[in-house]
C-alpha cells in the first residue's frame, strides 16, 4: 500500500482579480498559480524555489489555510486545507521570513506564552514545551529580554520557536533566512535540517539555490505560477550537464551588445548581476571555447575583466529554468 503524501496539490490554481484605469475601470486577472500538481512524502525536506512573484508564498498560504484557492485542492496530512481548516491548523506550523509577527515590546518568553494561549495549547504542555524550544534554538538566557533587543537572527529563531509550539507534523517555512547574515542563515539551515532528520515534514520556500542544495531532499522550481522542474538537487543539475559557463566582468554593458551575445551559436541564456562597481555577465552555452573567442568581436571597445569558463552549478540550472535576468 502506497504511503499517503504529507502534502499534496491537485490542479491548484489561484487567480487574483484587480481593476485598472481611472475613467473606464477594467477588470484584470492575474494567475498566481496555474494548475500546480505536487506530492511531498512524510519526513521529506522539500524546497520550492522561484523568483519573487512566482507563486511561492501564495502556495504556502493556501496549504496553511490562510488563503482560499480559486480551484483545485490542497491536502496536508490527508486533510483538505479548505474544508478541514481547524483540524489541519492543529497539526501544522508555519514561519514567514522577515521580522513581522512578533510583539517587540514583550520578551521572547512572553511572546511564546501568548502564542501558546492563542493556539490553545494546554498550559501543562506549554510549560514543558517552551523551555525545550528556547534551549533547542539557542535563546535560553535571553528569553526575558524584549524582542526589540534581539538580533535579526534571534528574532527569526523566535519565529521558528513559535511555529514549533504545537509540535507540528508538518512545518512550512516561507523564505526563513531572508535578511539574515551568513552565520545566522547557516545556523537556521542546520536547525531546519535537524527537524527533518527527526521526522518532521518541512516545506521550505526560497530563491537561494545554494540553500536548497545544502539541505533539501528534493526541490521544485516554480516560474509564473507553474512548476517547471522537480527532482533531487542532483537531478536538477543534470539539466545543464551539456552546458558550459563563460563569465566576465564589465562596466556599463550596452543592451545591444547583450543581444549580440544571445545570438551567438550555442548560447542558451545570458544573465547579468551587479557586483560592486562592475557587472558580472554569465553566459550559458554549449561551446564555451568558441564563445570566448567571439567576445572580442561582440564586445569590441569594451574593457573586459576576469574572463573565465567553468562547469555549471545548481544555481546555473535555476537561472536557466527561470529565464534570463535582464
C-alpha atoms as a PDB file:
ATOM      1  CA  UNK A   1       0.000   0.000   0.000  1.00  0.00           C
ATOM      2  CA  UNK A   2       1.438   3.392  -1.043  1.00  0.00           C
ATOM      3  CA  UNK A   3       2.172   5.907   1.699  1.00  0.00           C
ATOM      4  CA  UNK A   4      -0.165   8.884   1.745  1.00  0.00           C
ATOM      5  CA  UNK A   5       1.649  12.118   0.808  1.00  0.00           C
ATOM      6  CA  UNK A   6       2.190  14.525   3.678  1.00  0.00           C
ATOM      7  CA  UNK A   7       1.459  17.433   1.317  1.00  0.00           C
ATOM      8  CA  UNK A   8      -0.372  17.257  -1.986  1.00  0.00           C
ATOM      9  CA  UNK A   9      -1.601  19.781  -4.555  1.00  0.00           C
ATOM     10  CA  UNK A  10      -4.010  18.747  -7.307  1.00  0.00           C
ATOM     11  CA  UNK A  11      -4.536  21.164 -10.195  1.00  0.00           C
ATOM     12  CA  UNK A  12      -4.100  24.008  -7.715  1.00  0.00           C
ATOM     13  CA  UNK A  13      -4.993  27.409  -9.139  1.00  0.00           C
ATOM     14  CA  UNK A  14      -5.164  30.893  -7.686  1.00  0.00           C
ATOM     15  CA  UNK A  15      -6.245  33.917  -9.689  1.00  0.00           C
ATOM     16  CA  UNK A  16      -6.364  37.477  -8.397  1.00  0.00           C
ATOM     17  CA  UNK A  17      -8.774  39.974  -9.919  1.00  0.00           C
ATOM     18  CA  UNK A  18      -7.929  43.674  -9.852  1.00  0.00           C
ATOM     19  CA  UNK A  19      -9.056  46.777 -11.700  1.00  0.00           C
ATOM     20  CA  UNK A  20      -7.137  49.409 -13.596  1.00  0.00           C
ATOM     21  CA  UNK A  21      -7.935  52.683 -15.280  1.00  0.00           C
ATOM     22  CA  UNK A  22      -9.330  55.972 -13.969  1.00  0.00           C
ATOM     23  CA  UNK A  23     -12.347  56.856 -16.099  1.00  0.00           C
ATOM     24  CA  UNK A  24     -13.049  53.423 -17.575  1.00  0.00           C
ATOM     25  CA  UNK A  25     -12.427  50.739 -14.977  1.00  0.00           C
ATOM     26  CA  UNK A  26     -11.175  47.483 -16.440  1.00  0.00           C
ATOM     27  CA  UNK A  27     -11.059  44.133 -14.652  1.00  0.00           C
ATOM     28  CA  UNK A  28      -7.678  42.423 -14.860  1.00  0.00           C
ATOM     29  CA  UNK A  29      -6.975  38.836 -13.827  1.00  0.00           C
ATOM     30  CA  UNK A  30      -3.530  37.674 -12.736  1.00  0.00           C
ATOM     31  CA  UNK A  31      -2.795  33.984 -12.292  1.00  0.00           C
ATOM     32  CA  UNK A  32      -0.553  33.337  -9.268  1.00  0.00           C
ATOM     33  CA  UNK A  33      -0.808  29.526  -9.547  1.00  0.00           C
ATOM     34  CA  UNK A  34      -1.563  27.737 -12.809  1.00  0.00           C
ATOM     35  CA  UNK A  35      -2.757  24.187 -12.139  1.00  0.00           C
ATOM     36  CA  UNK A  36       0.054  23.006  -9.847  1.00  0.00           C
ATOM     37  CA  UNK A  37       0.383  19.273  -9.094  1.00  0.00           C
ATOM     38  CA  UNK A  38       2.719  18.338  -6.269  1.00  0.00           C
ATOM     39  CA  UNK A  39       3.333  15.443  -3.856  1.00  0.00           C
ATOM     40  CA  UNK A  40       5.640  15.575  -0.842  1.00  0.00           C
ATOM     41  CA  UNK A  41       6.401  12.460   1.199  1.00  0.00           C
ATOM     42  CA  UNK A  42       6.242  12.292   5.013  1.00  0.00           C
ATOM     43  CA  UNK A  43       9.548  13.269   6.606  1.00  0.00           C
ATOM     44  CA  UNK A  44      10.812  14.981   3.466  1.00  0.00           C
ATOM     45  CA  UNK A  45      12.548  18.357   3.436  1.00  0.00           C
ATOM     46  CA  UNK A  46      11.137  19.839   0.251  1.00  0.00           C
ATOM     47  CA  UNK A  47      12.284  23.108  -1.268  1.00  0.00           C
ATOM     48  CA  UNK A  48      10.170  25.273  -3.566  1.00  0.00           C
ATOM     49  CA  UNK A  49      12.372  27.694  -5.484  1.00  0.00           C
ATOM     50  CA  UNK A  50      11.479  30.611  -7.676  1.00  0.00           C
ATOM     51  CA  UNK A  51      11.938  34.355  -8.148  1.00  0.00           C
ATOM     52  CA  UNK A  52       9.855  36.927  -6.306  1.00  0.00           C
ATOM     53  CA  UNK A  53       6.270  36.843  -7.576  1.00  0.00           C
ATOM     54  CA  UNK A  54       6.492  33.276  -8.906  1.00  0.00           C
ATOM     55  CA  UNK A  55       3.765  31.936  -6.573  1.00  0.00           C
ATOM     56  CA  UNK A  56       5.771  30.508  -3.645  1.00  0.00           C
ATOM     57  CA  UNK A  57       4.093  32.462  -0.845  1.00  0.00           C
ATOM     58  CA  UNK A  58       0.659  32.013  -2.426  1.00  0.00           C
ATOM     59  CA  UNK A  59       1.096  28.241  -2.300  1.00  0.00           C
ATOM     60  CA  UNK A  60       2.241  28.308   1.328  1.00  0.00           C
ATOM     61  CA  UNK A  61      -0.733  30.462   2.327  1.00  0.00           C
ATOM     62  CA  UNK A  62      -3.145  28.033   0.687  1.00  0.00           C
ATOM     63  CA  UNK A  63      -1.589  24.996   2.392  1.00  0.00           C
ATOM     64  CA  UNK A  64      -1.672  26.789   5.765  1.00  0.00           C
ATOM     65  CA  UNK A  65      -5.368  27.762   5.370  1.00  0.00           C
ATOM     66  CA  UNK A  66      -4.595  31.500   5.130  1.00  0.00           C
ATOM     67  CA  UNK A  67      -5.792  31.813   1.527  1.00  0.00           C
ATOM     68  CA  UNK A  68      -8.509  30.117  -0.496  1.00  0.00           C
ATOM     69  CA  UNK A  69      -7.593  28.628  -3.880  1.00  0.00           C
ATOM     70  CA  UNK A  70      -9.584  29.556  -6.972  1.00  0.00           C
ATOM     71  CA  UNK A  71      -9.835  25.878  -7.950  1.00  0.00           C
ATOM     72  CA  UNK A  72      -8.134  22.558  -7.358  1.00  0.00           C
ATOM     73  CA  UNK A  73      -7.320  21.069  -3.975  1.00  0.00           C
ATOM     74  CA  UNK A  74      -4.622  21.346  -1.319  1.00  0.00           C
ATOM     75  CA  UNK A  75      -4.220  18.438   1.103  1.00  0.00           C
ATOM     76  CA  UNK A  76      -1.960  18.279   4.139  1.00  0.00           C
ATOM     77  CA  UNK A  77      -1.813  15.028   6.142  1.00  0.00           C
ATOM     78  CA  UNK A  78      -4.880  13.949   4.178  1.00  0.00           C
ATOM     79  CA  UNK A  79      -6.853  16.975   5.402  1.00  0.00           C
ATOM     80  CA  UNK A  80      -8.411  19.435   2.956  1.00  0.00           C
ATOM     81  CA  UNK A  81      -6.986  22.936   3.537  1.00  0.00           C
ATOM     82  CA  UNK A  82     -10.375  24.470   2.628  1.00  0.00           C
ATOM     83  CA  UNK A  83     -12.917  22.089   4.163  1.00  0.00           C
ATOM     84  CA  UNK A  84     -10.980  20.945   7.249  1.00  0.00           C
ATOM     85  CA  UNK A  85      -9.182  24.103   8.309  1.00  0.00           C
ATOM     86  CA  UNK A  86      -9.489  23.770  12.080  1.00  0.00           C
ATOM     87  CA  UNK A  87      -8.386  20.141  12.186  1.00  0.00           C
ATOM     88  CA  UNK A  88      -5.415  20.983   9.953  1.00  0.00           C
ATOM     89  CA  UNK A  89      -4.236  24.035  11.900  1.00  0.00           C
ATOM     90  CA  UNK A  90      -3.676  21.883  14.994  1.00  0.00           C
ATOM     91  CA  UNK A  91      -1.150  19.751  13.129  1.00  0.00           C
ATOM     92  CA  UNK A  92       0.914  22.294  11.176  1.00  0.00           C
ATOM     93  CA  UNK A  93       3.271  25.140  11.935  1.00  0.00           C
ATOM     94  CA  UNK A  94       4.372  27.967   9.688  1.00  0.00           C
ATOM     95  CA  UNK A  95       7.083  30.625   9.733  1.00  0.00           C
ATOM     96  CA  UNK A  96       7.261  33.595   7.368  1.00  0.00           C
ATOM     97  CA  UNK A  97      10.530  35.403   6.648  1.00  0.00           C
ATOM     98  CA  UNK A  98      11.204  38.896   7.946  1.00  0.00           C
ATOM     99  CA  UNK A  99      10.623  40.404  11.363  1.00  0.00           C
ATOM    100  CA  UNK A 100       6.851  40.871  11.389  1.00  0.00           C
ATOM    101  CA  UNK A 101       4.633  38.684  13.541  1.00  0.00           C
ATOM    102  CA  UNK A 102       6.288  39.205  16.929  1.00  0.00           C
ATOM    103  CA  UNK A 103       5.497  41.655  19.727  1.00  0.00           C
ATOM    104  CA  UNK A 104       8.712  43.636  20.080  1.00  0.00           C
ATOM    105  CA  UNK A 105       7.967  45.212  23.461  1.00  0.00           C
ATOM    106  CA  UNK A 106       7.352  41.811  25.020  1.00  0.00           C
ATOM    107  CA  UNK A 107      10.088  39.388  25.978  1.00  0.00           C
ATOM    108  CA  UNK A 108      10.749  36.302  23.913  1.00  0.00           C
ATOM    109  CA  UNK A 109       9.270  34.199  26.716  1.00  0.00           C
ATOM    110  CA  UNK A 110       6.097  36.295  26.891  1.00  0.00           C
ATOM    111  CA  UNK A 111       5.727  36.082  23.107  1.00  0.00           C
ATOM    112  CA  UNK A 112       5.815  32.293  23.252  1.00  0.00           C
ATOM    113  CA  UNK A 113       3.386  32.203  26.207  1.00  0.00           C
ATOM    114  CA  UNK A 114       0.979  34.476  24.330  1.00  0.00           C
ATOM    115  CA  UNK A 115       1.049  32.372  21.164  1.00  0.00           C
ATOM    116  CA  UNK A 116       0.707  29.160  23.159  1.00  0.00           C
ATOM    117  CA  UNK A 117      -2.532  30.537  24.646  1.00  0.00           C
ATOM    118  CA  UNK A 118      -3.637  31.750  21.206  1.00  0.00           C
ATOM    119  CA  UNK A 119      -3.079  28.260  19.747  1.00  0.00           C
ATOM    120  CA  UNK A 120      -4.996  26.748  22.702  1.00  0.00           C
ATOM    121  CA  UNK A 121      -2.065  24.639  23.814  1.00  0.00           C
ATOM    122  CA  UNK A 122      -2.769  23.197  27.285  1.00  0.00           C
ATOM    123  CA  UNK A 123      -0.803  25.092  29.995  1.00  0.00           C
ATOM    124  CA  UNK A 124       0.865  21.908  31.240  1.00  0.00           C
ATOM    125  CA  UNK A 125       2.155  21.245  27.718  1.00  0.00           C
ATOM    126  CA  UNK A 126       3.331  24.821  27.065  1.00  0.00           C
ATOM    127  CA  UNK A 127       5.198  24.973  30.412  1.00  0.00           C
ATOM    128  CA  UNK A 128       7.243  21.981  29.280  1.00  0.00           C
ATOM    129  CA  UNK A 129       7.467  22.835  25.602  1.00  0.00           C
ATOM    130  CA  UNK A 130       8.599  26.480  25.801  1.00  0.00           C
ATOM    131  CA  UNK A 131      11.832  25.870  27.799  1.00  0.00           C
ATOM    132  CA  UNK A 132      12.670  22.984  25.454  1.00  0.00           C
ATOM    133  CA  UNK A 133      12.323  25.223  22.417  1.00  0.00           C
ATOM    134  CA  UNK A 134      14.279  28.090  23.979  1.00  0.00           C
ATOM    135  CA  UNK A 135      17.183  25.746  24.671  1.00  0.00           C
ATOM    136  CA  UNK A 136      16.989  23.970  21.301  1.00  0.00           C
ATOM    137  CA  UNK A 137      17.013  27.246  19.373  1.00  0.00           C
ATOM    138  CA  UNK A 138      19.760  28.910  21.386  1.00  0.00           C
ATOM    139  CA  UNK A 139      17.580  31.516  23.097  1.00  0.00           C
ATOM    140  CA  UNK A 140      17.944  30.300  26.680  1.00  0.00           C
ATOM    141  CA  UNK A 141      19.430  33.075  28.789  1.00  0.00           C
ATOM    142  CA  UNK A 142      17.894  35.794  26.600  1.00  0.00           C
ATOM    143  CA  UNK A 143      14.274  34.719  26.916  1.00  0.00           C
ATOM    144  CA  UNK A 144      13.397  37.557  29.343  1.00  0.00           C
ATOM    145  CA  UNK A 145      14.868  40.279  27.111  1.00  0.00           C
ATOM    146  CA  UNK A 146      12.489  42.341  25.000  1.00  0.00           C
ATOM    147  CA  UNK A 147      12.353  41.185  21.391  1.00  0.00           C
ATOM    148  CA  UNK A 148      13.312  44.677  20.175  1.00  0.00           C
ATOM    149  CA  UNK A 149      16.768  43.986  21.660  1.00  0.00           C
ATOM    150  CA  UNK A 150      17.207  40.739  19.696  1.00  0.00           C
ATOM    151  CA  UNK A 151      19.385  40.453  16.626  1.00  0.00           C
ATOM    152  CA  UNK A 152      17.687  39.616  13.334  1.00  0.00           C
ATOM    153  CA  UNK A 153      18.869  36.017  13.645  1.00  0.00           C
ATOM    154  CA  UNK A 154      17.463  35.699  17.167  1.00  0.00           C
ATOM    155  CA  UNK A 155      14.119  37.087  16.016  1.00  0.00           C
ATOM    156  CA  UNK A 156      13.963  34.508  13.255  1.00  0.00           C
ATOM    157  CA  UNK A 157      14.800  31.717  15.708  1.00  0.00           C
ATOM    158  CA  UNK A 158      11.983  33.003  17.916  1.00  0.00           C
ATOM    159  CA  UNK A 159       9.708  32.861  14.862  1.00  0.00           C
ATOM    160  CA  UNK A 160      10.735  29.235  14.427  1.00  0.00           C
ATOM    161  CA  UNK A 161      10.070  28.509  18.109  1.00  0.00           C
ATOM    162  CA  UNK A 162       6.581  29.965  17.676  1.00  0.00           C
ATOM    163  CA  UNK A 163       5.988  27.703  14.664  1.00  0.00           C
ATOM    164  CA  UNK A 164       7.041  24.657  16.695  1.00  0.00           C
ATOM    165  CA  UNK A 165       4.938  25.389  19.790  1.00  0.00           C
ATOM    166  CA  UNK A 166       2.265  22.841  18.879  1.00  0.00           C
ATOM    167  CA  UNK A 167       4.879  20.215  17.882  1.00  0.00           C
ATOM    168  CA  UNK A 168       3.539  20.130  14.297  1.00  0.00           C
ATOM    169  CA  UNK A 169       3.798  17.153  11.971  1.00  0.00           C
ATOM    170  CA  UNK A 170       4.345  19.497   9.012  1.00  0.00           C
ATOM    171  CA  UNK A 171       6.276  22.765   9.135  1.00  0.00           C
ATOM    172  CA  UNK A 172       6.001  25.447   6.427  1.00  0.00           C
ATOM    173  CA  UNK A 173       8.877  27.931   6.138  1.00  0.00           C
ATOM    174  CA  UNK A 174       8.466  30.833   3.710  1.00  0.00           C
ATOM    175  CA  UNK A 175      11.921  32.278   2.941  1.00  0.00           C
ATOM    176  CA  UNK A 176      13.037  31.925   6.591  1.00  0.00           C
ATOM    177  CA  UNK A 177      16.617  33.133   6.018  1.00  0.00           C
ATOM    178  CA  UNK A 178      15.743  36.315   4.132  1.00  0.00           C
ATOM    179  CA  UNK A 179      17.723  39.249   5.521  1.00  0.00           C
ATOM    180  CA  UNK A 180      19.901  37.100   7.789  1.00  0.00           C
ATOM    181  CA  UNK A 181      23.678  37.390   7.837  1.00  0.00           C
ATOM    182  CA  UNK A 182      25.590  34.318   6.546  1.00  0.00           C
ATOM    183  CA  UNK A 183      26.250  32.922  10.041  1.00  0.00           C
ATOM    184  CA  UNK A 184      22.634  33.317  11.166  1.00  0.00           C
ATOM    185  CA  UNK A 185      21.343  31.816   7.922  1.00  0.00           C
ATOM    186  CA  UNK A 186      23.629  28.810   8.241  1.00  0.00           C
ATOM    187  CA  UNK A 187      22.577  28.217  11.854  1.00  0.00           C
ATOM    188  CA  UNK A 188      18.918  28.316  10.850  1.00  0.00           C
ATOM    189  CA  UNK A 189      19.502  25.904   7.958  1.00  0.00           C
ATOM    190  CA  UNK A 190      21.192  23.437  10.309  1.00  0.00           C
ATOM    191  CA  UNK A 191      18.212  23.599  12.687  1.00  0.00           C
ATOM    192  CA  UNK A 192      15.761  23.020   9.818  1.00  0.00           C
ATOM    193  CA  UNK A 193      17.776  20.035   8.596  1.00  0.00           C
ATOM    194  CA  UNK A 194      17.770  18.587  12.127  1.00  0.00           C
ATOM    195  CA  UNK A 195      13.982  18.942  12.311  1.00  0.00           C
ATOM    196  CA  UNK A 196      13.600  16.965   9.083  1.00  0.00           C
ATOM    197  CA  UNK A 197      16.055  14.322  10.288  1.00  0.00           C
ATOM    198  CA  UNK A 198      13.906  13.995  13.423  1.00  0.00           C
ATOM    199  CA  UNK A 199      10.914  13.058  11.247  1.00  0.00           C
ATOM    200  CA  UNK A 200       9.093  16.308  10.559  1.00  0.00           C
ATOM    201  CA  UNK A 201       7.935  17.130   7.044  1.00  0.00           C
ATOM    202  CA  UNK A 202       9.314  20.526   6.062  1.00  0.00           C
ATOM    203  CA  UNK A 203       8.112  22.667   3.150  1.00  0.00           C
ATOM    204  CA  UNK A 204      10.674  25.403   2.505  1.00  0.00           C
ATOM    205  CA  UNK A 205      10.421  28.247   0.008  1.00  0.00           C
ATOM    206  CA  UNK A 206      13.478  30.195  -1.042  1.00  0.00           C
ATOM    207  CA  UNK A 207      15.111  31.877  -4.010  1.00  0.00           C
ATOM    208  CA  UNK A 208      18.582  30.876  -2.808  1.00  0.00           C
ATOM    209  CA  UNK A 209      19.642  27.871  -4.864  1.00  0.00           C
ATOM    210  CA  UNK A 210      22.669  27.122  -2.678  1.00  0.00           C
ATOM    211  CA  UNK A 211      20.349  26.950   0.337  1.00  0.00           C
ATOM    212  CA  UNK A 212      18.146  24.316  -1.264  1.00  0.00           C
ATOM    213  CA  UNK A 213      21.204  22.409  -2.467  1.00  0.00           C
ATOM    214  CA  UNK A 214      22.616  22.342   1.063  1.00  0.00           C
ATOM    215  CA  UNK A 215      19.657  20.934   2.984  1.00  0.00           C
ATOM    216  CA  UNK A 216      16.762  19.801   0.761  1.00  0.00           C
ATOM    217  CA  UNK A 217      15.959  16.186  -0.117  1.00  0.00           C
ATOM    218  CA  UNK A 218      14.007  17.257  -3.175  1.00  0.00           C
ATOM    219  CA  UNK A 219      13.197  20.549  -4.875  1.00  0.00           C
ATOM    220  CA  UNK A 220      10.838  22.062  -7.407  1.00  0.00           C
ATOM    221  CA  UNK A 221      11.319  25.242  -9.402  1.00  0.00           C
ATOM    222  CA  UNK A 222       8.279  27.449  -9.977  1.00  0.00           C
ATOM    223  CA  UNK A 223       8.041  30.174 -12.630  1.00  0.00           C
ATOM    224  CA  UNK A 224       4.998  32.335 -13.312  1.00  0.00           C
ATOM    225  CA  UNK A 225       2.795  30.070 -11.185  1.00  0.00           C
ATOM    226  CA  UNK A 226       3.791  26.780 -12.855  1.00  0.00           C
ATOM    227  CA  UNK A 227       6.257  24.065 -11.841  1.00  0.00           C
ATOM    228  CA  UNK A 228       8.985  23.907 -14.499  1.00  0.00           C
ATOM    229  CA  UNK A 229      11.263  21.283 -12.886  1.00  0.00           C
ATOM    230  CA  UNK A 230      11.134  18.855  -9.980  1.00  0.00           C
ATOM    231  CA  UNK A 231      13.551  16.319  -8.511  1.00  0.00           C
ATOM    232  CA  UNK A 232      16.620  15.974  -6.305  1.00  0.00           C
ATOM    233  CA  UNK A 233      19.238  18.733  -6.445  1.00  0.00           C
ATOM    234  CA  UNK A 234      21.500  16.338  -8.346  1.00  0.00           C
ATOM    235  CA  UNK A 235      18.848  15.525 -10.948  1.00  0.00           C
ATOM    236  CA  UNK A 236      18.059  19.213 -11.475  1.00  0.00           C
ATOM    237  CA  UNK A 237      21.760  19.830 -12.060  1.00  0.00           C
ATOM    238  CA  UNK A 238      21.773  17.319 -14.926  1.00  0.00           C
ATOM    239  CA  UNK A 239      19.558  19.720 -16.898  1.00  0.00           C
ATOM    240  CA  UNK A 240      22.687  21.733 -17.682  1.00  0.00           C
ATOM    241  CA  UNK A 241      25.267  18.953 -17.859  1.00  0.00           C
ATOM    242  CA  UNK A 242      25.796  19.593 -21.557  1.00  0.00           C
ATOM    243  CA  UNK A 243      26.266  23.287 -20.919  1.00  0.00           C
ATOM    244  CA  UNK A 244      29.315  25.345 -20.067  1.00  0.00           C
ATOM    245  CA  UNK A 245      29.568  28.732 -18.421  1.00  0.00           C
ATOM    246  CA  UNK A 246      31.526  31.764 -19.584  1.00  0.00           C
ATOM    247  CA  UNK A 247      31.786  34.625 -17.098  1.00  0.00           C
ATOM    248  CA  UNK A 248      33.348  38.067 -17.290  1.00  0.00           C
ATOM    249  CA  UNK A 249      33.160  41.454 -15.600  1.00  0.00           C
ATOM    250  CA  UNK A 250      32.388  44.655 -17.454  1.00  0.00           C
ATOM    251  CA  UNK A 251      31.410  48.250 -16.653  1.00  0.00           C
ATOM    252  CA  UNK A 252      28.377  49.658 -18.473  1.00  0.00           C
ATOM    253  CA  UNK A 253      27.140  46.793 -20.643  1.00  0.00           C
ATOM    254  CA  UNK A 254      25.115  48.231 -23.597  1.00  0.00           C
ATOM    255  CA  UNK A 255      21.811  46.482 -24.284  1.00  0.00           C
ATOM    256  CA  UNK A 256      22.615  45.949 -27.967  1.00  0.00           C
ATOM    257  CA  UNK A 257      25.785  44.041 -27.036  1.00  0.00           C
ATOM    258  CA  UNK A 258      23.685  41.694 -24.907  1.00  0.00           C
ATOM    259  CA  UNK A 259      21.578  40.938 -27.958  1.00  0.00           C
ATOM    260  CA  UNK A 260      24.757  40.105 -29.826  1.00  0.00           C
ATOM    261  CA  UNK A 261      25.821  37.669 -27.107  1.00  0.00           C
ATOM    262  CA  UNK A 262      22.437  35.957 -27.104  1.00  0.00           C
ATOM    263  CA  UNK A 263      22.613  35.491 -30.855  1.00  0.00           C
ATOM    264  CA  UNK A 264      25.882  33.532 -30.779  1.00  0.00           C
ATOM    265  CA  UNK A 265      25.592  29.826 -31.781  1.00  0.00           C
ATOM    266  CA  UNK A 266      25.139  27.546 -28.762  1.00  0.00           C
ATOM    267  CA  UNK A 267      24.187  30.324 -26.321  1.00  0.00           C
ATOM    268  CA  UNK A 268      21.075  29.420 -24.335  1.00  0.00           C
ATOM    269  CA  UNK A 269      20.915  32.336 -21.873  1.00  0.00           C
ATOM    270  CA  UNK A 270      22.739  35.439 -20.697  1.00  0.00           C
ATOM    271  CA  UNK A 271      22.375  36.754 -17.141  1.00  0.00           C
ATOM    272  CA  UNK A 272      23.739  39.940 -15.562  1.00  0.00           C
ATOM    273  CA  UNK A 273      24.294  40.650 -11.877  1.00  0.00           C
ATOM    274  CA  UNK A 274      25.687  43.746 -10.200  1.00  0.00           C
ATOM    275  CA  UNK A 275      28.995  43.296  -8.369  1.00  0.00           C
ATOM    276  CA  UNK A 276      30.421  46.364  -6.614  1.00  0.00           C
ATOM    277  CA  UNK A 277      31.233  48.841  -9.426  1.00  0.00           C
ATOM    278  CA  UNK A 278      31.077  46.293 -12.245  1.00  0.00           C
ATOM    279  CA  UNK A 279      28.573  43.923 -13.799  1.00  0.00           C
ATOM    280  CA  UNK A 280      29.128  40.163 -13.908  1.00  0.00           C
ATOM    281  CA  UNK A 281      27.857  38.639 -17.144  1.00  0.00           C
ATOM    282  CA  UNK A 282      27.165  34.892 -17.138  1.00  0.00           C
ATOM    283  CA  UNK A 283      26.724  33.174 -20.487  1.00  0.00           C
ATOM    284  CA  UNK A 284      25.254  29.649 -20.623  1.00  0.00           C
ATOM    285  CA  UNK A 285      26.412  27.970 -23.788  1.00  0.00           C
ATOM    286  CA  UNK A 286      27.155  24.631 -25.416  1.00  0.00           C
ATOM    287  CA  UNK A 287      30.646  25.558 -26.644  1.00  0.00           C
ATOM    288  CA  UNK A 288      32.409  27.852 -24.136  1.00  0.00           C
ATOM    289  CA  UNK A 289      35.731  27.981 -26.022  1.00  0.00           C
ATOM    290  CA  UNK A 290      34.046  29.236 -29.188  1.00  0.00           C
ATOM    291  CA  UNK A 291      32.044  31.834 -27.271  1.00  0.00           C
ATOM    292  CA  UNK A 292      35.208  33.140 -25.586  1.00  0.00           C
ATOM    293  CA  UNK A 293      36.872  33.661 -28.974  1.00  0.00           C
ATOM    294  CA  UNK A 294      33.861  35.711 -30.130  1.00  0.00           C
ATOM    295  CA  UNK A 295      33.783  38.014 -27.098  1.00  0.00           C
ATOM    296  CA  UNK A 296      36.402  40.329 -28.546  1.00  0.00           C
ATOM    297  CA  UNK A 297      34.278  40.852 -31.670  1.00  0.00           C
ATOM    298  CA  UNK A 298      30.900  41.235 -29.940  1.00  0.00           C
ATOM    299  CA  UNK A 299      32.292  43.470 -27.193  1.00  0.00           C
ATOM    300  CA  UNK A 300      34.781  45.472 -29.235  1.00  0.00           C
ATOM    301  CA  UNK A 301      35.784  48.650 -27.417  1.00  0.00           C
ATOM    302  CA  UNK A 302      34.530  47.448 -24.018  1.00  0.00           C
ATOM    303  CA  UNK A 303      37.052  46.571 -21.337  1.00  0.00           C
ATOM    304  CA  UNK A 304      36.606  43.038 -20.022  1.00  0.00           C
ATOM    305  CA  UNK A 305      37.859  41.782 -16.662  1.00  0.00           C
ATOM    306  CA  UNK A 306      38.293  38.269 -15.238  1.00  0.00           C
ATOM    307  CA  UNK A 307      37.135  36.312 -18.283  1.00  0.00           C
ATOM    308  CA  UNK A 308      36.795  32.620 -17.399  1.00  0.00           C
ATOM    309  CA  UNK A 309      34.879  29.435 -18.132  1.00  0.00           C
ATOM    310  CA  UNK A 310      33.664  26.804 -15.662  1.00  0.00           C
ATOM    311  CA  UNK A 311      31.371  23.853 -15.146  1.00  0.00           C
ATOM    312  CA  UNK A 312      27.688  24.645 -14.405  1.00  0.00           C
ATOM    313  CA  UNK A 313      26.311  24.592 -10.856  1.00  0.00           C
ATOM    314  CA  UNK A 314      22.840  24.057  -9.443  1.00  0.00           C
ATOM    315  CA  UNK A 315      22.366  27.823  -9.423  1.00  0.00           C
ATOM    316  CA  UNK A 316      23.112  27.861 -13.141  1.00  0.00           C
ATOM    317  CA  UNK A 317      20.364  25.288 -13.676  1.00  0.00           C
ATOM    318  CA  UNK A 318      17.995  27.508 -11.708  1.00  0.00           C
ATOM    319  CA  UNK A 319      18.882  30.585 -13.759  1.00  0.00           C
ATOM    320  CA  UNK A 320      18.290  28.664 -16.981  1.00  0.00           C
ATOM    321  CA  UNK A 321      14.921  27.387 -15.737  1.00  0.00           C
ATOM    322  CA  UNK A 322      13.548  30.770 -14.664  1.00  0.00           C
ATOM    323  CA  UNK A 323      14.869  32.609 -17.707  1.00  0.00           C
ATOM    324  CA  UNK A 324      17.303  35.427 -18.299  1.00  0.00           C
ATOM    325  CA  UNK A 325      17.786  38.204 -15.778  1.00  0.00           C
ATOM    326  CA  UNK A 326      17.639  41.260 -17.971  1.00  0.00           C
END
